[in-house]
Amino acid sequence: MFLRSRITTAVALAAALATAGCGSDSVGPGEFEIDDLVGSWTITRFEYQADSGDETYDLIDNGLSGTAVVQSSGDYTFTVQQTGLPAITTTGRFTIVNGNVVDTETGGTPETLDIQRDGDKITITSETETFDFDDDANTPESAADLIMEWEKN
């Protein structure tokens, strides 16, 4: 149950963060256009890192795989699959506001993303996450960063 909850939370964030980049140049905050997001993507890194200490939890190493498809309209479909669990699919729309990527998950609130592109690789960072590194419901979650990397198919 814990991992499914973590994946569901991560799906919302990942959908918001997970889809951008193509070409050979670098793009950072304030520089994105919708064309930078269009295409099919494979998640290659999905990792929580504790803000204090050296704890990490890599969802990819623990059986998670994921894809994202972004249309020229900005509409996206994001799917993750954890080994042994049903796939989770999230939809929404990306828009560009002053060169920044804004995600609105279907039924959700718009969120501006911290996203960088270097060629066909996207790095997405969220510094406002929490994660239960010891997988113990009786201890509080720790402040953590979520780091994701995506590659264009």
C-alpha atoms as a PDB file:
ATOM      1  CA  MET A   1       0.000   0.000   0.000  1.00  0.00           C
ATOM      2  CA  PHE A   2       2.825   2.394   0.855  1.00  0.00           C
ATOM      3  CA  LEU A   3       4.504   2.058  -2.526  1.00  0.00           C
ATOM      4  CA  ARG A   4       1.234   2.428  -4.436  1.00  0.00           C
ATOM      5  CA  SER A   5       0.512   5.619  -2.468  1.00  0.00           C
ATOM      6  CA  ARG A   6       4.008   6.912  -3.222  1.00  0.00           C
ATOM      7  CA  ILE A   7       3.607   6.069  -6.893  1.00  0.00           C
ATOM      8  CA  THR A   8       0.221   7.791  -7.078  1.00  0.00           C
ATOM      9  CA  THR A   9       1.688  10.926  -5.506  1.00  0.00           C
ATOM     10  CA  ALA A  10       4.683  10.735  -7.779  1.00  0.00           C
ATOM     11  CA  VAL A  11       2.492  10.255 -10.847  1.00  0.00           C
ATOM     12  CA  ALA A  12       0.833  13.598 -10.287  1.00  0.00           C
ATOM     13  CA  LEU A  13       4.191  15.291  -9.883  1.00  0.00           C
ATOM     14  CA  ALA A  14       5.784  13.326 -12.667  1.00  0.00           C
ATOM     15  CA  ALA A  15       2.987  14.121 -15.042  1.00  0.00           C
ATOM     16  CA  ALA A  16       3.524  17.709 -14.193  1.00  0.00           C
ATOM     17  CA  LEU A  17       7.231  17.489 -14.570  1.00  0.00           C
ATOM     18  CA  ALA A  18       7.976  14.713 -16.880  1.00  0.00           C
ATOM     19  CA  THR A  19       7.654  15.757 -20.422  1.00  0.00           C
ATOM     20  CA  ALA A  20       9.898  18.094 -22.300  1.00  0.00           C
ATOM     21  CA  GLY A  21      12.840  18.264 -24.642  1.00  0.00           C
ATOM     22  CA  CYS A  22      14.102  17.436 -28.039  1.00  0.00           C
ATOM     23  CA  GLY A  23      16.893  18.654 -30.233  1.00  0.00           C
ATOM     24  CA  SER A  24      20.485  19.330 -29.423  1.00  0.00           C
ATOM     25  CA  ASP A  25      20.417  22.594 -27.473  1.00  0.00           C
ATOM     26  CA  SER A  26      19.768  23.354 -23.838  1.00  0.00           C
ATOM     27  CA  VAL A  27      16.551  24.889 -22.566  1.00  0.00           C
ATOM     28  CA  GLY A  28      15.957  26.138 -19.064  1.00  0.00           C
ATOM     29  CA  PRO A  29      13.282  27.957 -17.102  1.00  0.00           C
ATOM     30  CA  GLY A  30      11.794  30.883 -19.012  1.00  0.00           C
ATOM     31  CA  GLU A  31      12.861  29.463 -22.400  1.00  0.00           C
ATOM     32  CA  PHE A  32      10.421  26.623 -23.127  1.00  0.00           C
ATOM     33  CA  GLU A  33       7.968  26.473 -26.011  1.00  0.00           C
ATOM     34  CA  ILE A  34       5.245  23.848 -26.403  1.00  0.00           C
ATOM     35  CA  ASP A  35       7.291  22.181 -29.180  1.00  0.00           C
ATOM     36  CA  ASP A  36       9.980  21.411 -26.577  1.00  0.00           C
ATOM     37  CA  LEU A  37       7.459  19.123 -24.891  1.00  0.00           C
ATOM     38  CA  VAL A  38       5.957  17.257 -27.847  1.00  0.00           C
ATOM     39  CA  GLY A  39       6.816  13.583 -28.289  1.00  0.00           C
ATOM     40  CA  SER A  40       7.105  10.218 -26.572  1.00  0.00           C
ATOM     41  CA  TRP A  41       9.366   9.902 -23.523  1.00  0.00           C
ATOM     42  CA  THR A  42      10.777   7.151 -21.324  1.00  0.00           C
ATOM     43  CA  ILE A  43      11.532   7.706 -17.657  1.00  0.00           C
ATOM     44  CA  THR A  44      15.161   6.803 -16.897  1.00  0.00           C
ATOM     45  CA  ARG A  45      15.519   8.131 -13.333  1.00  0.00           C
ATOM     46  CA  PHE A  46      12.928   8.589 -10.587  1.00  0.00           C
ATOM     47  CA  GLU A  47      14.695   9.081  -7.284  1.00  0.00           C
ATOM     48  CA  TYR A  48      13.987  10.575  -3.884  1.00  0.00           C
ATOM     49  CA  GLN A  49      16.993  12.027  -2.043  1.00  0.00           C
ATOM     50  CA  ALA A  50      16.770  12.963   1.641  1.00  0.00           C
ATOM     51  CA  ASP A  51      17.431  16.635   2.372  1.00  0.00           C
ATOM     52  CA  SER A  52      19.563  15.606   5.353  1.00  0.00           C
ATOM     53  CA  GLY A  53      21.808  12.573   5.277  1.00  0.00           C
ATOM     54  CA  ASP A  54      22.580  10.394   2.304  1.00  0.00           C
ATOM     55  CA  GLU A  55      19.400   8.305   2.014  1.00  0.00           C
ATOM     56  CA  THR A  56      18.005   7.730  -1.457  1.00  0.00           C
ATOM     57  CA  TYR A  57      15.199   5.632  -2.892  1.00  0.00           C
ATOM     58  CA  ASP A  58      15.298   4.886  -6.608  1.00  0.00           C
ATOM     59  CA  LEU A  59      11.894   3.840  -7.957  1.00  0.00           C
ATOM     60  CA  ILE A  60      13.435   2.615 -11.230  1.00  0.00           C
ATOM     61  CA  ASP A  61      15.794   0.276  -9.341  1.00  0.00           C
ATOM     62  CA  ASN A  62      12.733  -0.994  -7.469  1.00  0.00           C
ATOM     63  CA  GLY A  63      10.743  -1.992 -10.550  1.00  0.00           C
ATOM     64  CA  LEU A  64       9.046   1.202 -11.753  1.00  0.00           C
ATOM     65  CA  SER A  65       8.869   2.035 -15.439  1.00  0.00           C
ATOM     66  CA  GLY A  66       7.121   4.957 -17.054  1.00  0.00           C
ATOM     67  CA  THR A  67       6.290   6.739 -20.268  1.00  0.00           C
ATOM     68  CA  ALA A  68       4.801  10.072 -21.253  1.00  0.00           C
ATOM     69  CA  VAL A  69       3.267  11.223 -24.525  1.00  0.00           C
ATOM     70  CA  VAL A  70       2.704  14.929 -25.201  1.00  0.00           C
ATOM     71  CA  GLN A  71       0.618  16.171 -28.145  1.00  0.00           C
ATOM     72  CA  SER A  72       1.174  19.475 -29.979  1.00  0.00           C
ATOM     73  CA  SER A  73      -1.882  20.830 -28.099  1.00  0.00           C
ATOM     74  CA  GLY A  74       0.007  20.304 -24.823  1.00  0.00           C
ATOM     75  CA  ASP A  75      -2.317  17.457 -23.796  1.00  0.00           C
ATOM     76  CA  TYR A  76      -0.390  14.610 -22.181  1.00  0.00           C
ATOM     77  CA  THR A  77      -0.809  11.051 -21.011  1.00  0.00           C
ATOM     78  CA  PHE A  78       1.585   9.790 -18.349  1.00  0.00           C
ATOM     79  CA  THR A  79       1.723   6.110 -17.416  1.00  0.00           C
ATOM     80  CA  VAL A  80       3.773   4.380 -14.728  1.00  0.00           C
ATOM     81  CA  GLN A  81       3.908   0.678 -13.944  1.00  0.00           C
ATOM     82  CA  GLN A  82       5.315  -0.832 -10.773  1.00  0.00           C
ATOM     83  CA  THR A  83       6.207  -4.518 -11.019  1.00  0.00           C
ATOM     84  CA  GLY A  84       3.263  -6.538  -9.726  1.00  0.00           C
ATOM     85  CA  LEU A  85       0.810  -3.602  -9.641  1.00  0.00           C
ATOM     86  CA  PRO A  86      -1.642  -2.240 -12.209  1.00  0.00           C
ATOM     87  CA  ALA A  87      -0.444   0.648 -14.380  1.00  0.00           C
ATOM     88  CA  ILE A  88      -1.434   4.157 -13.296  1.00  0.00           C
ATOM     89  CA  THR A  89      -2.320   6.684 -16.009  1.00  0.00           C
ATOM     90  CA  THR A  90      -2.630  10.431 -15.538  1.00  0.00           C
ATOM     91  CA  THR A  91      -3.757  13.005 -18.097  1.00  0.00           C
ATOM     92  CA  GLY A  92      -3.529  16.768 -18.264  1.00  0.00           C
ATOM     93  CA  ARG A  93      -2.311  19.718 -20.285  1.00  0.00           C
ATOM     94  CA  PHE A  94       0.937  21.663 -20.440  1.00  0.00           C
ATOM     95  CA  THR A  95       0.871  25.345 -21.255  1.00  0.00           C
ATOM     96  CA  ILE A  96       3.662  27.875 -21.572  1.00  0.00           C
ATOM     97  CA  VAL A  97       3.521  31.080 -19.534  1.00  0.00           C
ATOM     98  CA  ASN A  98       6.395  33.511 -20.095  1.00  0.00           C
ATOM     99  CA  GLY A  99       8.565  30.608 -21.282  1.00  0.00           C
ATOM    100  CA  ASN A 100       7.865  28.497 -18.190  1.00  0.00           C
ATOM    101  CA  VAL A 101       6.142  25.105 -18.266  1.00  0.00           C
ATOM    102  CA  VAL A 102       2.842  25.042 -16.384  1.00  0.00           C
ATOM    103  CA  ASP A 103       1.111  21.722 -15.826  1.00  0.00           C
ATOM    104  CA  THR A 104      -2.565  21.295 -15.117  1.00  0.00           C
ATOM    105  CA  GLU A 105      -3.380  17.688 -14.336  1.00  0.00           C
ATOM    106  CA  THR A 106      -6.962  16.809 -15.269  1.00  0.00           C
ATOM    107  CA  GLY A 107      -9.042  18.071 -12.345  1.00  0.00           C
ATOM    108  CA  GLY A 108      -5.978  19.594 -10.687  1.00  0.00           C
ATOM    109  CA  THR A 109      -4.437  22.972  -9.940  1.00  0.00           C
ATOM    110  CA  PRO A 110      -1.852  24.546 -12.311  1.00  0.00           C
ATOM    111  CA  GLU A 111       1.763  24.096 -11.202  1.00  0.00           C
ATOM    112  CA  THR A 112       4.879  25.755 -12.635  1.00  0.00           C
ATOM    113  CA  LEU A 113       7.680  23.225 -13.104  1.00  0.00           C
ATOM    114  CA  ASP A 114      11.424  23.245 -12.315  1.00  0.00           C
ATOM    115  CA  ILE A 115      12.624  21.638 -15.533  1.00  0.00           C
ATOM    116  CA  GLN A 116      15.779  21.710 -17.662  1.00  0.00           C
ATOM    117  CA  ARG A 117      16.492  20.198 -21.055  1.00  0.00           C
ATOM    118  CA  ASP A 118      19.861  19.254 -22.518  1.00  0.00           C
ATOM    119  CA  GLY A 119      19.314  17.782 -25.982  1.00  0.00           C
ATOM    120  CA  ASP A 120      16.939  14.834 -25.683  1.00  0.00           C
ATOM    121  CA  LYS A 121      17.324  14.559 -21.908  1.00  0.00           C
ATOM    122  CA  ILE A 122      15.063  16.287 -19.390  1.00  0.00           C
ATOM    123  CA  THR A 123      15.882  16.770 -15.706  1.00  0.00           C
ATOM    124  CA  ILE A 124      13.039  17.648 -13.384  1.00  0.00           C
ATOM    125  CA  THR A 125      13.612  18.551  -9.739  1.00  0.00           C
ATOM    126  CA  SER A 126      11.123  19.144  -6.956  1.00  0.00           C
ATOM    127  CA  GLU A 127      12.548  20.307  -3.651  1.00  0.00           C
ATOM    128  CA  THR A 128       9.228  20.291  -1.783  1.00  0.00           C
ATOM    129  CA  GLU A 129       8.608  16.553  -1.437  1.00  0.00           C
ATOM    130  CA  THR A 130       8.543  14.186   1.513  1.00  0.00           C
ATOM    131  CA  PHE A 131       9.301  10.480   1.487  1.00  0.00           C
ATOM    132  CA  ASP A 132       9.144   7.588   3.979  1.00  0.00           C
ATOM    133  CA  PHE A 133      12.669   6.207   3.575  1.00  0.00           C
ATOM    134  CA  ASP A 134      12.266   3.601   6.321  1.00  0.00           C
ATOM    135  CA  ASP A 135       8.842   2.439   5.027  1.00  0.00           C
ATOM    136  CA  ASP A 136       7.473   2.666   8.582  1.00  0.00           C
ATOM    137  CA  ALA A 137       3.993   4.182   8.950  1.00  0.00           C
ATOM    138  CA  ASN A 138       4.803   4.987  12.598  1.00  0.00           C
ATOM    139  CA  THR A 139       7.621   7.398  11.745  1.00  0.00           C
ATOM    140  CA  PRO A 140       7.205  10.698   9.908  1.00  0.00           C
ATOM    141  CA  GLU A 141       8.224  11.143   6.314  1.00  0.00           C
ATOM    142  CA  SER A 142      11.474  13.013   5.689  1.00  0.00           C
ATOM    143  CA  ALA A 143      11.941  16.151   3.606  1.00  0.00           C
ATOM    144  CA  ALA A 144      13.303  15.095   0.240  1.00  0.00           C
ATOM    145  CA  ASP A 145      14.055  16.133  -3.312  1.00  0.00           C
ATOM    146  CA  LEU A 146      12.491  14.265  -6.218  1.00  0.00           C
ATOM    147  CA  ILE A 147      14.802  14.011  -9.207  1.00  0.00           C
ATOM    148  CA  MET A 148      13.520  12.659 -12.500  1.00  0.00           C
ATOM    149  CA  GLU A 149      15.206  12.198 -15.847  1.00  0.00           C
ATOM    150  CA  TRP A 150      13.472  11.476 -19.125  1.00  0.00           C
ATOM    151  CA  GLU A 151      14.784  10.577 -22.567  1.00  0.00           C
ATOM    152  CA  LYS A 152      13.033  11.084 -25.862  1.00  0.00           C
ATOM    153  CA  ASN A 153      12.084   7.862 -27.673  1.00  0.00           C
END
